[in-house]
Amino acid sequence: MGDDWDEAANVFEGDDAPPEPEKNFDEVGWEPGQKAPAMIPQLPTKGALNKMKKADLVELAEGRGVDSEGKKDDIIERLLA
């Protein structure tokens, strides 16, 4: 009975085995000197901006690289400029 286990055992993982991620890469062809498209969401309308709180306008302005100092109306004008 002693030599029944000479070969390596095959191990199969059940349904609880962690999934292996797929290696799927989309190639993007950029021409030399070509700029990537801007991914900045569209700015809300002036009416929608007027309904926003100043703190939200400040955050929006800073995210767009616009001066966020001053009154609410000033920030809105700079955002829309």
Protein backbone atom coordinates (compact mmCIF):
# COMPACT_ATOMS: atom_id res chain seq x y z
CA MET A 1 0.00 0.00 0.00
CA GLY A 2 2.89 2.48 0.49
CA ASP A 3 3.66 3.79 -3.06
CA ASP A 4 0.19 4.95 -4.17
CA TRP A 5 1.05 8.70 -3.78
CA ASP A 6 4.17 9.04 -5.90
CA GLU A 7 2.60 11.49 -8.39
CA ALA A 8 1.71 15.11 -7.68
CA ALA A 9 -1.91 15.67 -6.81
CA ASN A 10 -4.06 17.95 -8.98
CA VAL A 11 -5.65 20.72 -6.94
CA PHE A 12 -8.88 22.28 -8.13
CA GLU A 13 -10.28 25.36 -6.47
CA GLY A 14 -14.02 25.49 -6.01
CA ASP A 15 -16.48 28.29 -6.61
CA ASP A 16 -14.99 30.27 -3.71
CA ALA A 17 -11.70 30.79 -5.53
CA PRO A 18 -10.80 34.46 -6.02
CA PRO A 19 -11.33 35.61 -9.61
CA GLU A 20 -8.31 36.35 -11.71
CA PRO A 21 -8.42 39.77 -13.38
CA GLU A 22 -8.44 39.86 -17.14
CA LYS A 23 -5.58 41.61 -18.83
CA ASN A 24 -7.46 43.79 -21.27
CA PHE A 25 -5.85 47.00 -22.40
CA ASP A 26 -7.32 49.29 -25.01
CA GLU A 27 -4.61 50.89 -27.03
CA VAL A 28 -5.06 54.58 -27.66
CA GLY A 29 -3.24 55.99 -30.63
CA TRP A 30 -2.17 59.59 -30.11
CA GLU A 31 -0.63 61.54 -32.90
CA PRO A 32 2.54 63.43 -31.97
CA GLY A 33 1.61 66.83 -30.56
CA GLN A 34 -2.08 65.93 -30.22
CA LYS A 35 -3.75 67.06 -27.00
CA ALA A 36 -5.97 64.79 -24.93
CA PRO A 37 -9.65 65.76 -24.92
CA ALA A 38 -10.78 67.85 -21.95
CA MET A 39 -12.81 65.91 -19.44
CA ILE A 40 -14.28 68.86 -17.54
CA PRO A 41 -18.03 68.60 -17.02
CA GLN A 42 -20.20 71.29 -18.54
CA LEU A 43 -20.77 74.33 -16.33
CA PRO A 44 -24.31 74.77 -14.93
CA THR A 45 -26.45 77.63 -16.25
CA LYS A 46 -26.29 81.07 -14.65
CA GLY A 47 -29.65 80.42 -12.97
CA ALA A 48 -28.38 77.17 -11.49
CA LEU A 49 -25.18 78.86 -10.32
CA ASN A 50 -27.23 81.58 -8.59
CA LYS A 51 -29.11 78.90 -6.63
CA MET A 52 -25.87 77.31 -5.39
CA LYS A 53 -24.33 78.08 -2.00
CA LYS A 54 -21.18 80.19 -1.98
CA ALA A 55 -19.13 77.29 -0.58
CA ASP A 56 -20.18 75.13 -3.55
CA LEU A 57 -19.30 77.93 -5.97
CA VAL A 58 -15.88 78.31 -4.33
CA GLU A 59 -15.25 74.57 -4.74
CA LEU A 60 -16.39 74.67 -8.37
CA ALA A 61 -14.20 77.69 -9.12
CA GLU A 62 -11.13 76.13 -7.51
CA GLY A 63 -11.70 72.91 -9.45
CA ARG A 64 -11.70 74.89 -12.69
CA GLY A 65 -8.69 77.03 -11.81
CA VAL A 66 -10.79 80.20 -11.45
CA ASP A 67 -10.26 82.79 -8.69
CA SER A 68 -12.65 81.85 -5.86
CA GLU A 69 -12.32 85.04 -3.78
CA GLY A 70 -15.02 87.68 -3.38
CA LYS A 71 -18.79 87.78 -3.43
CA LYS A 72 -20.96 85.05 -4.86
CA ASP A 73 -21.85 87.21 -7.90
CA ASP A 74 -18.15 87.83 -8.59
CA ILE A 75 -17.37 84.11 -8.54
CA ILE A 76 -20.29 83.38 -10.88
CA GLU A 77 -19.13 86.04 -13.34
CA ARG A 78 -15.59 84.61 -13.37
CA LEU A 79 -16.93 81.09 -13.90
CA LEU A 80 -19.05 82.21 -16.84
CA ALA A 81 -16.29 84.35 -18.43
